[in-house]
PDB file of N, CA and C in Angstrom:
ATOM      1  N   MET A   1       0.948  -1.170  -0.010  1.00  0.00           N
ATOM      2  CA  MET A   1       0.127   0.186   0.190  1.00  0.00           C
ATOM      3  C   MET A   1       0.864   1.167   0.159  1.00  0.00           C
ATOM      4  N   LYS A   2       1.015   1.871  -1.043  1.00  0.00           N
ATOM      5  CA  LYS A   2       1.661   3.138  -0.978  1.00  0.00           C
ATOM      6  C   LYS A   2       0.606   4.272  -0.931  1.00  0.00           C
ATOM      7  N   ARG A   3       1.085   4.919   0.121  1.00  0.00           N
ATOM      8  CA  ARG A   3       0.050   6.293   0.742  1.00  0.00           C
ATOM      9  C   ARG A   3       0.459   7.450  -0.119  1.00  0.00           C
ATOM     10  N   THR A   4      -0.917   8.270  -0.772  1.00  0.00           N
ATOM     11  CA  THR A   4      -0.328   9.380  -1.424  1.00  0.00           C
ATOM     12  C   THR A   4      -0.984  10.422  -0.413  1.00  0.00           C
ATOM     13  N   GLU A   5      -0.391  11.491  -0.502  1.00  0.00           N
ATOM     14  CA  GLU A   5      -0.397  12.740   0.199  1.00  0.00           C
ATOM     15  C   GLU A   5      -1.474  13.621  -0.701  1.00  0.00           C
ATOM     16  N   ILE A   6      -2.364  14.280   0.249  1.00  0.00           N
ATOM     17  CA  ILE A   6      -3.408  15.073  -0.421  1.00  0.00           C
ATOM     18  C   ILE A   6      -3.007  16.121  -1.335  1.00  0.00           C
ATOM     19  N   THR A   7      -2.001  16.923  -0.797  1.00  0.00           N
ATOM     20  CA  THR A   7      -1.206  17.869  -1.703  1.00  0.00           C
ATOM     21  C   THR A   7      -0.887  17.288  -2.923  1.00  0.00           C
ATOM     22  N   GLU A   8      -0.621  15.885  -3.120  1.00  0.00           N
ATOM     23  CA  GLU A   8       0.027  15.468  -4.246  1.00  0.00           C
ATOM     24  C   GLU A   8      -1.082  15.205  -5.079  1.00  0.00           C
ATOM     25  N   LEU A   9      -2.381  14.947  -4.655  1.00  0.00           N
ATOM     26  CA  LEU A   9      -3.496  14.546  -5.571  1.00  0.00           C
ATOM     27  C   LEU A   9      -3.893  15.796  -5.950  1.00  0.00           C
ATOM     28  N   TYR A  10      -3.738  16.905  -5.518  1.00  0.00           N
ATOM     29  CA  TYR A  10      -4.321  18.269  -6.018  1.00  0.00           C
ATOM     30  C   TYR A  10      -3.345  18.794  -6.987  1.00  0.00           C
ATOM     31  N   SER A  11      -2.102  18.348  -6.769  1.00  0.00           N
ATOM     32  CA  SER A  11      -0.988  19.158  -7.640  1.00  0.00           C
ATOM     33  C   SER A  11      -0.709  18.161  -9.055  1.00  0.00           C
ATOM     34  N   LYS A  12      -1.317  16.720  -8.799  1.00  0.00           N
ATOM     35  CA  LYS A  12      -1.103  15.928 -10.007  1.00  0.00           C
ATOM     36  C   LYS A  12      -2.383  15.282 -10.231  1.00  0.00           C
ATOM     37  N   THR A  13      -3.562  15.780 -10.425  1.00  0.00           N
ATOM     38  CA  THR A  13      -4.741  15.644 -10.567  1.00  0.00           C
ATOM     39  C   THR A  13      -4.985  14.732 -11.632  1.00  0.00           C
ATOM     40  N   ALA A  14      -4.659  14.915 -12.900  1.00  0.00           N
ATOM     41  CA  ALA A  14      -4.841  14.233 -14.046  1.00  0.00           C
ATOM     42  C   ALA A  14      -3.986  13.002 -14.170  1.00  0.00           C
ATOM     43  N   GLU A  15      -2.730  12.881 -13.387  1.00  0.00           N
ATOM     44  CA  GLU A  15      -2.040  11.533 -13.296  1.00  0.00           C
ATOM     45  C   GLU A  15      -3.010  10.500 -12.351  1.00  0.00           C
ATOM     46  N   PHE A  16      -3.676  11.062 -11.394  1.00  0.00           N
ATOM     47  CA  PHE A  16      -4.312  10.127 -10.322  1.00  0.00           C
ATOM     48  C   PHE A  16      -5.955   9.700 -10.978  1.00  0.00           C
ATOM     49  N   SER A  17      -6.264  10.569 -11.608  1.00  0.00           N
ATOM     50  CA  SER A  17      -7.670  10.434 -12.167  1.00  0.00           C
ATOM     51  C   SER A  17      -8.001   9.265 -12.865  1.00  0.00           C
ATOM     52  N   GLY A  18      -8.841   8.289 -12.151  1.00  0.00           N
ATOM     53  CA  GLY A  18      -9.473   6.920 -12.453  1.00  0.00           C
ATOM     54  C   GLY A  18      -8.762   6.217 -11.800  1.00  0.00           C
ATOM     55  N   LYS A  19      -7.650   6.254 -11.310  1.00  0.00           N
ATOM     56  CA  LYS A  19      -6.818   5.096 -10.407  1.00  0.00           C
ATOM     57  C   LYS A  19      -6.924   5.180  -9.074  1.00  0.00           C
ATOM     58  N   THR A  20      -6.709   3.802  -8.433  1.00  0.00           N
ATOM     59  CA  THR A  20      -7.036   3.602  -7.248  1.00  0.00           C
ATOM     60  C   THR A  20      -5.608   4.285  -6.241  1.00  0.00           C
ATOM     61  N   VAL A  21      -6.075   5.408  -5.176  1.00  0.00           N
ATOM     62  CA  VAL A  21      -5.247   5.680  -4.511  1.00  0.00           C
ATOM     63  C   VAL A  21      -5.475   5.188  -3.118  1.00  0.00           C
ATOM     64  N   THR A  22      -4.508   5.358  -2.154  1.00  0.00           N
ATOM     65  CA  THR A  22      -4.794   5.184  -0.591  1.00  0.00           C
ATOM     66  C   THR A  22      -4.185   6.499  -0.073  1.00  0.00           C
ATOM     67  N   VAL A  23      -5.278   7.334   0.678  1.00  0.00           N
ATOM     68  CA  VAL A  23      -4.864   8.337   1.539  1.00  0.00           C
ATOM     69  C   VAL A  23      -5.193   7.967   3.082  1.00  0.00           C
ATOM     70  N   CYS A  24      -4.396   8.721   3.730  1.00  0.00           N
ATOM     71  CA  CYS A  24      -4.371   8.547   5.429  1.00  0.00           C
ATOM     72  C   CYS A  24      -4.488   9.721   5.837  1.00  0.00           C
ATOM     73  N   GLY A  25      -5.273   9.875   6.887  1.00  0.00           N
ATOM     74  CA  GLY A  25      -5.302  11.115   7.763  1.00  0.00           C
ATOM     75  C   GLY A  25      -6.293  11.136   8.918  1.00  0.00           C
ATOM     76  N   TRP A  26      -7.049  12.370   9.383  1.00  0.00           N
ATOM     77  CA  TRP A  26      -8.144  12.736  10.273  1.00  0.00           C
ATOM     78  C   TRP A  26      -9.358  13.097   9.941  1.00  0.00           C
ATOM     79  N   VAL A  27     -10.316  12.679  10.268  1.00  0.00           N
ATOM     80  CA  VAL A  27     -11.711  13.125   9.610  1.00  0.00           C
ATOM     81  C   VAL A  27     -12.011  14.541  10.331  1.00  0.00           C
ATOM     82  N   ARG A  28     -12.229  15.134   9.495  1.00  0.00           N
ATOM     83  CA  ARG A  28     -12.499  16.643   9.923  1.00  0.00           C
ATOM     84  C   ARG A  28     -14.241  16.783  10.110  1.00  0.00           C
ATOM     85  N   THR A  29     -14.727  16.113   9.204  1.00  0.00           N
ATOM     86  CA  THR A  29     -16.318  16.127   9.245  1.00  0.00           C
ATOM     87  C   THR A  29     -16.785  14.827   8.789  1.00  0.00           C
ATOM     88  N   ILE A  30     -17.988  14.432   9.243  1.00  0.00           N
ATOM     89  CA  ILE A  30     -18.401  13.048   8.795  1.00  0.00           C
ATOM     90  C   ILE A  30     -20.159  13.158   8.762  1.00  0.00           C
ATOM     91  N   ARG A  31     -20.660  12.799   7.574  1.00  0.00           N
ATOM     92  CA  ARG A  31     -22.053  12.493   7.733  1.00  0.00           C
ATOM     93  C   ARG A  31     -22.679  11.517   6.856  1.00  0.00           C
ATOM     94  N   ASP A  32     -23.801  10.923   7.432  1.00  0.00           N
ATOM     95  CA  ASP A  32     -24.274   9.973   6.282  1.00  0.00           C
ATOM     96  C   ASP A  32     -25.874   9.740   6.338  1.00  0.00           C
ATOM     97  N   SER A  33     -26.205   9.341   5.608  1.00  0.00           N
ATOM     98  CA  SER A  33     -27.839   9.004   5.318  1.00  0.00           C
ATOM     99  C   SER A  33     -28.196   7.763   5.317  1.00  0.00           C
ATOM    100  N   LYS A  34     -29.105   7.167   4.673  1.00  0.00           N
ATOM    101  CA  LYS A  34     -29.221   5.874   4.701  1.00  0.00           C
ATOM    102  C   LYS A  34     -28.356   4.779   3.767  1.00  0.00           C
ATOM    103  N   ALA A  35     -28.012   5.339   2.789  1.00  0.00           N
ATOM    104  CA  ALA A  35     -27.347   4.718   2.036  1.00  0.00           C
ATOM    105  C   ALA A  35     -25.869   5.089   1.370  1.00  0.00           C
ATOM    106  N   LEU A  36     -25.772   6.637   1.821  1.00  0.00           N
ATOM    107  CA  LEU A  36     -24.553   7.409   1.345  1.00  0.00           C
ATOM    108  C   LEU A  36     -23.870   7.858   2.773  1.00  0.00           C
ATOM    109  N   GLY A  37     -22.738   8.245   2.829  1.00  0.00           N
ATOM    110  CA  GLY A  37     -21.860   8.670   3.705  1.00  0.00           C
ATOM    111  C   GLY A  37     -20.882   9.413   3.247  1.00  0.00           C
ATOM    112  N   PHE A  38     -20.229  10.763   3.923  1.00  0.00           N
ATOM    113  CA  PHE A  38     -19.520  11.601   3.311  1.00  0.00           C
ATOM    114  C   PHE A  38     -18.379  11.699   4.370  1.00  0.00           C
ATOM    115  N   ILE A  39     -16.998  11.997   4.296  1.00  0.00           N
ATOM    116  CA  ILE A  39     -15.981  12.057   5.230  1.00  0.00           C
ATOM    117  C   ILE A  39     -15.193  12.969   4.248  1.00  0.00           C
ATOM    118  N   GLU A  40     -14.954  14.568   5.061  1.00  0.00           N
ATOM    119  CA  GLU A  40     -13.805  15.275   4.916  1.00  0.00           C
ATOM    120  C   GLU A  40     -12.423  15.034   5.374  1.00  0.00           C
ATOM    121  N   LEU A  41     -11.537  14.567   4.689  1.00  0.00           N
ATOM    122  CA  LEU A  41     -10.238  13.836   5.194  1.00  0.00           C
ATOM    123  C   LEU A  41      -9.231  14.990   5.154  1.00  0.00           C
ATOM    124  N   ASN A  42      -8.316  15.149   6.347  1.00  0.00           N
ATOM    125  CA  ASN A  42      -7.291  16.048   5.971  1.00  0.00           C
ATOM    126  C   ASN A  42      -6.115  15.099   6.513  1.00  0.00           C
ATOM    127  N   ASP A  43      -4.799  15.534   6.038  1.00  0.00           N
ATOM    128  CA  ASP A  43      -3.693  14.502   6.139  1.00  0.00           C
ATOM    129  C   ASP A  43      -2.651  15.519   6.699  1.00  0.00           C
ATOM    130  N   GLY A  44      -2.839  17.014   6.898  1.00  0.00           N
ATOM    131  CA  GLY A  44      -1.948  17.946   7.074  1.00  0.00           C
ATOM    132  C   GLY A  44      -0.910  18.502   6.149  1.00  0.00           C
ATOM    133  N   SER A  45      -0.938  17.640   4.798  1.00  0.00           N
ATOM    134  CA  SER A  45       0.010  18.122   3.672  1.00  0.00           C
ATOM    135  C   SER A  45      -0.365  19.350   3.340  1.00  0.00           C
ATOM    136  N   CYS A  46      -1.462  19.718   3.439  1.00  0.00           N
ATOM    137  CA  CYS A  46      -2.007  21.048   2.670  1.00  0.00           C
ATOM    138  C   CYS A  46      -3.426  21.666   3.722  1.00  0.00           C
ATOM    139  N   PHE A  47      -3.887  22.837   3.230  1.00  0.00           N
ATOM    140  CA  PHE A  47      -4.945  23.148   4.085  1.00  0.00           C
ATOM    141  C   PHE A  47      -6.335  22.641   3.630  1.00  0.00           C
ATOM    142  N   LYS A  48      -6.496  22.108   2.299  1.00  0.00           N
ATOM    143  CA  LYS A  48      -7.243  21.596   1.926  1.00  0.00           C
ATOM    144  C   LYS A  48      -7.556  19.971   2.160  1.00  0.00           C
ATOM    145  N   GLY A  49      -8.812  19.530   1.973  1.00  0.00           N
ATOM    146  CA  GLY A  49      -9.045  18.102   2.509  1.00  0.00           C
ATOM    147  C   GLY A  49      -9.600  17.317   1.169  1.00  0.00           C
ATOM    148  N   VAL A  50      -9.921  16.176   1.289  1.00  0.00           N
ATOM    149  CA  VAL A  50     -10.400  15.504   0.202  1.00  0.00           C
ATOM    150  C   VAL A  50     -11.772  14.824   0.648  1.00  0.00           C
ATOM    151  N   GLN A  51     -12.732  14.747  -0.209  1.00  0.00           N
ATOM    152  CA  GLN A  51     -14.020  14.247   0.120  1.00  0.00           C
ATOM    153  C   GLN A  51     -13.979  12.905  -0.033  1.00  0.00           C
ATOM    154  N   ILE A  52     -14.282  11.980   0.812  1.00  0.00           N
ATOM    155  CA  ILE A  52     -14.483  10.950   0.805  1.00  0.00           C
ATOM    156  C   ILE A  52     -15.920  10.508   0.533  1.00  0.00           C
ATOM    157  N   VAL A  53     -16.371   9.379  -0.355  1.00  0.00           N
ATOM    158  CA  VAL A  53     -17.967   9.260  -0.426  1.00  0.00           C
ATOM    159  C   VAL A  53     -17.739   7.707  -0.216  1.00  0.00           C
ATOM    160  N   PHE A  54     -18.749   7.263   0.888  1.00  0.00           N
ATOM    161  CA  PHE A  54     -18.879   5.737   1.012  1.00  0.00           C
ATOM    162  C   PHE A  54     -20.318   5.328   0.692  1.00  0.00           C
ATOM    163  N   GLU A  55     -20.711   4.097   0.128  1.00  0.00           N
ATOM    164  CA  GLU A  55     -22.010   3.769  -0.123  1.00  0.00           C
ATOM    165  C   GLU A  55     -22.112   2.263   0.639  1.00  0.00           C
ATOM    166  N   ALA A  56     -23.389   2.484   0.909  1.00  0.00           N
ATOM    167  CA  ALA A  56     -23.690   1.021   1.793  1.00  0.00           C
ATOM    168  C   ALA A  56     -23.870  -0.491   0.986  1.00  0.00           C
ATOM    169  N   GLY A  57     -24.001  -0.118  -0.391  1.00  0.00           N
ATOM    170  CA  GLY A  57     -23.992  -1.367  -1.093  1.00  0.00           C
ATOM    171  C   GLY A  57     -22.658  -1.652  -1.415  1.00  0.00           C
ATOM    172  N   LYS A  58     -21.744  -1.093  -1.465  1.00  0.00           N
ATOM    173  CA  LYS A  58     -20.470  -1.184  -1.861  1.00  0.00           C
ATOM    174  C   LYS A  58     -19.241  -1.567  -0.925  1.00  0.00           C
ATOM    175  N   ILE A  59     -19.510  -1.261   0.309  1.00  0.00           N
ATOM    176  CA  ILE A  59     -18.573  -1.606   1.360  1.00  0.00           C
ATOM    177  C   ILE A  59     -19.597  -2.531   2.366  1.00  0.00           C
ATOM    178  N   GLN A  60     -18.541  -3.387   3.243  1.00  0.00           N
ATOM    179  CA  GLN A  60     -19.372  -4.036   4.309  1.00  0.00           C
ATOM    180  C   GLN A  60     -19.352  -3.384   5.508  1.00  0.00           C
ATOM    181  N   ASN A  61     -18.338  -2.634   5.650  1.00  0.00           N
ATOM    182  CA  ASN A  61     -18.618  -1.745   7.062  1.00  0.00           C
ATOM    183  C   ASN A  61     -19.126  -0.399   7.136  1.00  0.00           C
ATOM    184  N   PHE A  62     -20.261  -0.145   6.302  1.00  0.00           N
ATOM    185  CA  PHE A  62     -20.772   1.179   6.195  1.00  0.00           C
ATOM    186  C   PHE A  62     -21.178   1.549   7.498  1.00  0.00           C
ATOM    187  N   THR A  63     -21.704   0.617   8.395  1.00  0.00           N
ATOM    188  CA  THR A  63     -22.273   1.086   9.555  1.00  0.00           C
ATOM    189  C   THR A  63     -21.238   1.526  10.703  1.00  0.00           C
ATOM    190  N   GLU A  64     -20.294   0.819  10.610  1.00  0.00           N
ATOM    191  CA  GLU A  64     -18.906   1.168  11.623  1.00  0.00           C
ATOM    192  C   GLU A  64     -18.223   2.243  10.986  1.00  0.00           C
ATOM    193  N   ILE A  65     -18.263   2.852   9.694  1.00  0.00           N
ATOM    194  CA  ILE A  65     -17.634   3.788   9.304  1.00  0.00           C
ATOM    195  C   ILE A  65     -18.563   5.094   9.457  1.00  0.00           C
ATOM    196  N   ALA A  66     -19.897   5.014   9.322  1.00  0.00           N
ATOM    197  CA  ALA A  66     -20.727   6.112   9.676  1.00  0.00           C
ATOM    198  C   ALA A  66     -20.662   6.603  11.212  1.00  0.00           C
ATOM    199  N   LYS A  67     -20.230   5.799  12.276  1.00  0.00           N
ATOM    200  CA  LYS A  67     -20.171   5.759  13.518  1.00  0.00           C
ATOM    201  C   LYS A  67     -18.969   6.555  14.079  1.00  0.00           C
ATOM    202  N   LEU A  68     -17.791   6.802  13.121  1.00  0.00           N
ATOM    203  CA  LEU A  68     -16.485   7.433  13.324  1.00  0.00           C
ATOM    204  C   LEU A  68     -17.001   9.053  13.847  1.00  0.00           C
ATOM    205  N   ASN A  69     -16.026   9.416  14.704  1.00  0.00           N
ATOM    206  CA  ASN A  69     -15.983  10.517  15.360  1.00  0.00           C
ATOM    207  C   ASN A  69     -15.039  11.631  14.518  1.00  0.00           C
ATOM    208  N   VAL A  70     -15.017  12.773  14.642  1.00  0.00           N
ATOM    209  CA  VAL A  70     -14.402  13.907  14.466  1.00  0.00           C
ATOM    210  C   VAL A  70     -13.234  13.507  14.821  1.00  0.00           C
ATOM    211  N   GLY A  71     -11.974  13.710  14.183  1.00  0.00           N
ATOM    212  CA  GLY A  71     -10.655  13.394  14.933  1.00  0.00           C
ATOM    213  C   GLY A  71     -10.064  11.971  14.584  1.00  0.00           C
ATOM    214  N   SER A  72     -11.041  11.009  14.055  1.00  0.00           N
ATOM    215  CA  SER A  72     -10.589   9.553  13.964  1.00  0.00           C
ATOM    216  C   SER A  72      -9.639   9.461  12.943  1.00  0.00           C
ATOM    217  N   ALA A  73      -8.650   8.747  13.323  1.00  0.00           N
ATOM    218  CA  ALA A  73      -7.690   8.478  11.986  1.00  0.00           C
ATOM    219  C   ALA A  73      -8.005   7.246  11.198  1.00  0.00           C
ATOM    220  N   VAL A  74      -7.908   7.461   9.880  1.00  0.00           N
ATOM    221  CA  VAL A  74      -8.328   6.436   8.829  1.00  0.00           C
ATOM    222  C   VAL A  74      -7.437   6.198   7.741  1.00  0.00           C
ATOM    223  N   THR A  75      -7.443   5.241   7.157  1.00  0.00           N
ATOM    224  CA  THR A  75      -6.894   4.630   5.997  1.00  0.00           C
ATOM    225  C   THR A  75      -7.886   4.531   5.065  1.00  0.00           C
ATOM    226  N   VAL A  76      -7.846   5.144   3.576  1.00  0.00           N
ATOM    227  CA  VAL A  76      -9.041   4.890   2.839  1.00  0.00           C
ATOM    228  C   VAL A  76      -8.148   4.510   1.227  1.00  0.00           C
ATOM    229  N   SER A  77      -8.773   3.583   0.830  1.00  0.00           N
ATOM    230  CA  SER A  77      -8.282   3.227  -0.890  1.00  0.00           C
ATOM    231  C   SER A  77      -9.569   3.185  -1.474  1.00  0.00           C
ATOM    232  N   GLY A  78      -9.249   3.850  -2.657  1.00  0.00           N
ATOM    233  CA  GLY A  78     -10.499   4.011  -3.526  1.00  0.00           C
ATOM    234  C   GLY A  78     -10.209   4.692  -4.767  1.00  0.00           C
ATOM    235  N   GLU A  79     -11.139   4.844  -5.935  1.00  0.00           N
ATOM    236  CA  GLU A  79     -10.644   5.384  -7.040  1.00  0.00           C
ATOM    237  C   GLU A  79     -11.076   6.999  -6.976  1.00  0.00           C
ATOM    238  N   LEU A  80      -9.832   7.650  -7.409  1.00  0.00           N
ATOM    239  CA  LEU A  80      -9.978   9.082  -7.330  1.00  0.00           C
ATOM    240  C   LEU A  80     -11.081   9.735  -8.758  1.00  0.00           C
ATOM    241  N   MET A  81     -12.093  10.238  -8.430  1.00  0.00           N
ATOM    242  CA  MET A  81     -13.040  10.671  -9.361  1.00  0.00           C
ATOM    243  C   MET A  81     -13.099  12.493  -9.219  1.00  0.00           C
ATOM    244  N   VAL A  82     -12.692  12.939 -10.531  1.00  0.00           N
ATOM    245  CA  VAL A  82     -12.534  14.214 -10.771  1.00  0.00           C
ATOM    246  C   VAL A  82     -13.727  14.920 -11.333  1.00  0.00           C
TER     247      VAL A  82
END
């Protein structure tokens, strides 16, 4: 697992677009509905964070992720959508 910093995602967006990336960081905000959830993740490499979208039908641990608190440390792998 190669970790990609969020600042690198913003500076080389075209290079990462459509590819699977792994980011690590802290939850700044989190919200969910019945089937969709959103996490604002920041790793300290830049002021901007990245939005993580997670879906109940696509991951097994949707309920556990939706219960995370602000400040939780997470590692996320997924496809970068621009």
